[in-house]
Amino acid sequence: MISVRATYDGQHLKLSRPLNIKKPQQVIVIFLEYPEENGDEETPIAAKDLHALQAASPSFDFLTTEEEDIYSDADLKVKY
């Protein structure tokens, strides 16, 4: 996966740097700022609602299994 910043002018995405990609690729586009409400756009989801959805989802349940607990305080470079 490659991450690159871009600017959208309403019609085109302009990448902040050139990429050496020769074939079509799937991408995910995330807008960092939500457009002004004008009735044409979907209502953005609030962070607290997004957190509630994630908490209710079993998507991250695997992280509570012992096999996934692979790090300890000894692995830290800096103790906080």
N, C-alpha and C. Protein backbone atom coordinates (compact mmCIF):
# COMPACT_ATOMS: atom_id res chain seq x y z
N MET A 1 0.84 -1.16 0.00
CA MET A 1 0.00 0.00 0.00
C MET A 1 0.90 1.23 0.00
N ILE A 2 0.52 2.22 -0.77
CA ILE A 2 1.24 3.49 -0.86
C ILE A 2 0.29 4.59 -0.38
N SER A 3 0.82 5.52 0.39
CA SER A 3 0.05 6.67 0.83
C SER A 3 0.69 7.92 0.24
N VAL A 4 -0.12 8.75 -0.39
CA VAL A 4 0.40 9.99 -0.98
C VAL A 4 -0.66 11.07 -0.83
N ARG A 5 -0.24 12.26 -0.47
CA ARG A 5 -1.18 13.38 -0.36
C ARG A 5 -1.56 13.86 -1.76
N ALA A 6 -2.76 14.43 -1.84
CA ALA A 6 -3.24 14.96 -3.11
C ALA A 6 -4.19 16.11 -2.82
N THR A 7 -4.47 16.90 -3.85
CA THR A 7 -5.44 17.98 -3.76
C THR A 7 -6.52 17.72 -4.79
N TYR A 8 -7.77 17.87 -4.38
CA TYR A 8 -8.90 17.69 -5.30
C TYR A 8 -9.46 19.06 -5.63
N ASP A 9 -9.57 19.39 -6.93
CA ASP A 9 -10.05 20.70 -7.34
C ASP A 9 -11.52 20.70 -7.75
N GLY A 10 -12.21 19.62 -7.46
CA GLY A 10 -13.62 19.50 -7.85
C GLY A 10 -13.79 18.61 -9.06
N GLN A 11 -12.69 18.34 -9.78
CA GLN A 11 -12.75 17.47 -10.96
C GLN A 11 -11.61 16.46 -11.00
N HIS A 12 -10.44 16.85 -10.53
CA HIS A 12 -9.26 15.99 -10.65
C HIS A 12 -8.50 15.93 -9.33
N LEU A 13 -7.81 14.82 -9.13
CA LEU A 13 -6.89 14.70 -8.01
C LEU A 13 -5.49 15.03 -8.52
N LYS A 14 -4.79 15.93 -7.83
CA LYS A 14 -3.41 16.27 -8.18
C LYS A 14 -2.52 15.73 -7.07
N LEU A 15 -1.70 14.74 -7.40
CA LEU A 15 -0.82 14.12 -6.42
C LEU A 15 0.31 15.06 -6.05
N SER A 16 0.76 14.99 -4.80
CA SER A 16 1.83 15.87 -4.33
C SER A 16 3.20 15.44 -4.84
N ARG A 17 3.29 14.23 -5.34
CA ARG A 17 4.55 13.74 -5.91
C ARG A 17 4.23 12.72 -6.99
N PRO A 18 5.10 12.56 -7.96
CA PRO A 18 4.85 11.57 -9.01
C PRO A 18 4.99 10.14 -8.47
N LEU A 19 4.21 9.25 -9.03
CA LEU A 19 4.28 7.83 -8.67
C LEU A 19 4.66 7.03 -9.90
N ASN A 20 5.48 6.04 -9.74
CA ASN A 20 5.90 5.19 -10.85
C ASN A 20 4.99 3.94 -10.90
N ILE A 21 3.74 4.16 -11.27
CA ILE A 21 2.76 3.08 -11.36
C ILE A 21 2.31 2.99 -12.81
N LYS A 22 2.49 1.83 -13.41
CA LYS A 22 2.25 1.69 -14.85
C LYS A 22 0.90 1.06 -15.20
N LYS A 23 0.21 0.45 -14.21
CA LYS A 23 -1.05 -0.21 -14.54
C LYS A 23 -2.16 0.31 -13.63
N PRO A 24 -3.41 0.12 -14.00
CA PRO A 24 -4.52 0.58 -13.16
C PRO A 24 -4.45 -0.04 -11.77
N GLN A 25 -4.76 0.76 -10.77
CA GLN A 25 -4.74 0.32 -9.38
C GLN A 25 -6.01 0.79 -8.69
N GLN A 26 -6.46 0.01 -7.72
CA GLN A 26 -7.56 0.46 -6.88
C GLN A 26 -7.00 1.44 -5.85
N VAL A 27 -7.79 2.44 -5.51
CA VAL A 27 -7.37 3.43 -4.53
C VAL A 27 -8.50 3.67 -3.54
N ILE A 28 -8.14 4.23 -2.40
CA ILE A 28 -9.11 4.72 -1.42
C ILE A 28 -8.85 6.22 -1.30
N VAL A 29 -9.88 7.01 -1.46
CA VAL A 29 -9.74 8.46 -1.36
C VAL A 29 -10.45 8.91 -0.09
N ILE A 30 -9.73 9.60 0.78
CA ILE A 30 -10.28 10.12 2.03
C ILE A 30 -10.14 11.63 2.01
N PHE A 31 -11.25 12.34 2.14
CA PHE A 31 -11.20 13.79 2.20
C PHE A 31 -10.97 14.20 3.65
N LEU A 32 -9.92 14.98 3.89
CA LEU A 32 -9.54 15.36 5.24
C LEU A 32 -10.47 16.41 5.84
N GLU A 33 -11.12 17.18 5.02
CA GLU A 33 -12.10 18.17 5.48
C GLU A 33 -13.42 17.87 4.81
N TYR A 34 -14.50 18.02 5.56
CA TYR A 34 -15.82 17.74 5.00
C TYR A 34 -16.35 19.00 4.32
N PRO A 35 -16.98 18.87 3.14
CA PRO A 35 -17.50 20.06 2.45
C PRO A 35 -18.62 20.72 3.25
N GLU A 36 -18.84 21.99 2.95
CA GLU A 36 -19.93 22.72 3.60
C GLU A 36 -21.25 22.02 3.32
N GLU A 37 -22.16 22.05 4.30
CA GLU A 37 -23.46 21.42 4.09
C GLU A 37 -24.27 22.24 3.10
N ASN A 38 -24.67 21.60 2.02
CA ASN A 38 -25.52 22.26 1.03
C ASN A 38 -26.68 21.38 0.63
N GLY A 39 -26.88 20.29 1.36
CA GLY A 39 -28.00 19.41 1.06
C GLY A 39 -27.65 18.33 0.06
N ASP A 40 -26.56 18.49 -0.70
CA ASP A 40 -26.19 17.50 -1.72
C ASP A 40 -25.31 16.39 -1.16
N GLU A 41 -24.66 16.64 -0.04
CA GLU A 41 -23.71 15.70 0.52
C GLU A 41 -24.34 14.91 1.66
N GLU A 42 -23.80 13.75 1.95
CA GLU A 42 -24.24 12.99 3.10
C GLU A 42 -23.78 13.70 4.37
N THR A 43 -24.50 13.50 5.45
CA THR A 43 -24.10 14.08 6.73
C THR A 43 -22.91 13.30 7.27
N PRO A 44 -21.85 14.00 7.69
CA PRO A 44 -20.68 13.29 8.21
C PRO A 44 -21.01 12.61 9.53
N ILE A 45 -20.37 11.50 9.79
CA ILE A 45 -20.58 10.79 11.05
C ILE A 45 -19.68 11.42 12.11
N ALA A 46 -20.24 11.66 13.28
CA ALA A 46 -19.48 12.27 14.37
C ALA A 46 -18.50 11.25 14.93
N ALA A 47 -17.38 11.73 15.44
CA ALA A 47 -16.34 10.84 15.98
C ALA A 47 -16.90 9.96 17.08
N LYS A 48 -17.75 10.52 17.95
CA LYS A 48 -18.30 9.71 19.05
C LYS A 48 -19.19 8.60 18.51
N ASP A 49 -19.92 8.87 17.43
CA ASP A 49 -20.76 7.84 16.82
C ASP A 49 -19.90 6.77 16.15
N LEU A 50 -18.81 7.20 15.52
CA LEU A 50 -17.90 6.25 14.89
C LEU A 50 -17.26 5.35 15.95
N HIS A 51 -16.88 5.92 17.09
CA HIS A 51 -16.31 5.13 18.17
C HIS A 51 -17.33 4.13 18.71
N ALA A 52 -18.58 4.55 18.82
CA ALA A 52 -19.64 3.65 19.30
C ALA A 52 -19.85 2.50 18.33
N LEU A 53 -19.82 2.78 17.03
CA LEU A 53 -19.96 1.72 16.02
C LEU A 53 -18.82 0.72 16.13
N GLN A 54 -17.60 1.23 16.30
CA GLN A 54 -16.44 0.35 16.40
C GLN A 54 -16.52 -0.49 17.66
N ALA A 55 -16.95 0.11 18.76
CA ALA A 55 -17.04 -0.63 20.03
C ALA A 55 -18.07 -1.74 19.95
N ALA A 56 -19.14 -1.53 19.19
CA ALA A 56 -20.20 -2.53 19.07
C ALA A 56 -19.86 -3.61 18.04
N SER A 57 -18.87 -3.36 17.21
CA SER A 57 -18.50 -4.29 16.15
C SER A 57 -17.53 -5.35 16.66
N PRO A 58 -17.67 -6.59 16.18
CA PRO A 58 -16.72 -7.63 16.56
C PRO A 58 -15.43 -7.60 15.73
N SER A 59 -15.25 -6.58 14.91
CA SER A 59 -14.13 -6.54 13.98
C SER A 59 -12.76 -6.66 14.64
N PHE A 60 -12.62 -6.10 15.83
CA PHE A 60 -11.32 -6.10 16.50
C PHE A 60 -11.25 -7.07 17.66
N ASP A 61 -12.23 -7.96 17.78
CA ASP A 61 -12.25 -8.92 18.88
C ASP A 61 -11.00 -9.82 18.89
N PHE A 62 -10.43 -10.06 17.73
CA PHE A 62 -9.25 -10.93 17.65
C PHE A 62 -8.09 -10.36 18.46
N LEU A 63 -8.08 -9.05 18.69
CA LEU A 63 -6.98 -8.43 19.42
C LEU A 63 -6.97 -8.83 20.90
N THR A 64 -8.06 -9.37 21.39
CA THR A 64 -8.12 -9.77 22.80
C THR A 64 -7.62 -11.19 23.03
N THR A 65 -7.29 -11.90 21.96
CA THR A 65 -6.80 -13.27 22.12
C THR A 65 -5.34 -13.27 22.54
N GLU A 66 -4.96 -14.30 23.27
CA GLU A 66 -3.60 -14.40 23.79
C GLU A 66 -2.55 -14.43 22.68
N GLU A 67 -2.87 -15.03 21.53
CA GLU A 67 -1.91 -15.11 20.42
C GLU A 67 -1.54 -13.73 19.88
N GLU A 68 -2.46 -12.78 20.00
CA GLU A 68 -2.21 -11.43 19.48
C GLU A 68 -1.44 -10.56 20.48
N ASP A 69 -1.32 -10.99 21.71
CA ASP A 69 -0.63 -10.22 22.73
C ASP A 69 0.87 -10.53 22.67
N ILE A 70 1.52 -9.99 21.64
CA ILE A 70 2.92 -10.38 21.37
C ILE A 70 3.93 -9.38 21.89
N TYR A 71 3.48 -8.23 22.41
CA TYR A 71 4.42 -7.21 22.88
C TYR A 71 4.32 -7.06 24.39
N SER A 72 5.41 -6.64 24.99
CA SER A 72 5.43 -6.37 26.43
C SER A 72 6.15 -5.05 26.65
N ASP A 73 6.20 -4.61 27.89
CA ASP A 73 6.91 -3.37 28.22
C ASP A 73 8.39 -3.48 27.86
N ALA A 74 8.93 -4.67 27.87
CA ALA A 74 10.35 -4.87 27.53
C ALA A 74 10.64 -4.50 26.08
N ASP A 75 9.61 -4.50 25.22
CA ASP A 75 9.80 -4.16 23.81
C ASP A 75 9.88 -2.66 23.57
N LEU A 76 9.53 -1.85 24.57
CA LEU A 76 9.53 -0.40 24.41
C LEU A 76 10.95 0.15 24.36
N LYS A 77 11.18 1.06 23.44
CA LYS A 77 12.48 1.74 23.40
C LYS A 77 12.52 2.85 24.46
N VAL A 78 11.37 3.47 24.69
CA VAL A 78 11.25 4.54 25.68
C VAL A 78 10.11 4.19 26.62
N LYS A 79 10.33 4.26 27.89
CA LYS A 79 9.28 4.01 28.89
C LYS A 79 8.59 5.34 29.20
N TYR A 80 7.28 5.33 29.13
CA TYR A 80 6.51 6.56 29.40
C TYR A 80 5.91 6.52 30.77
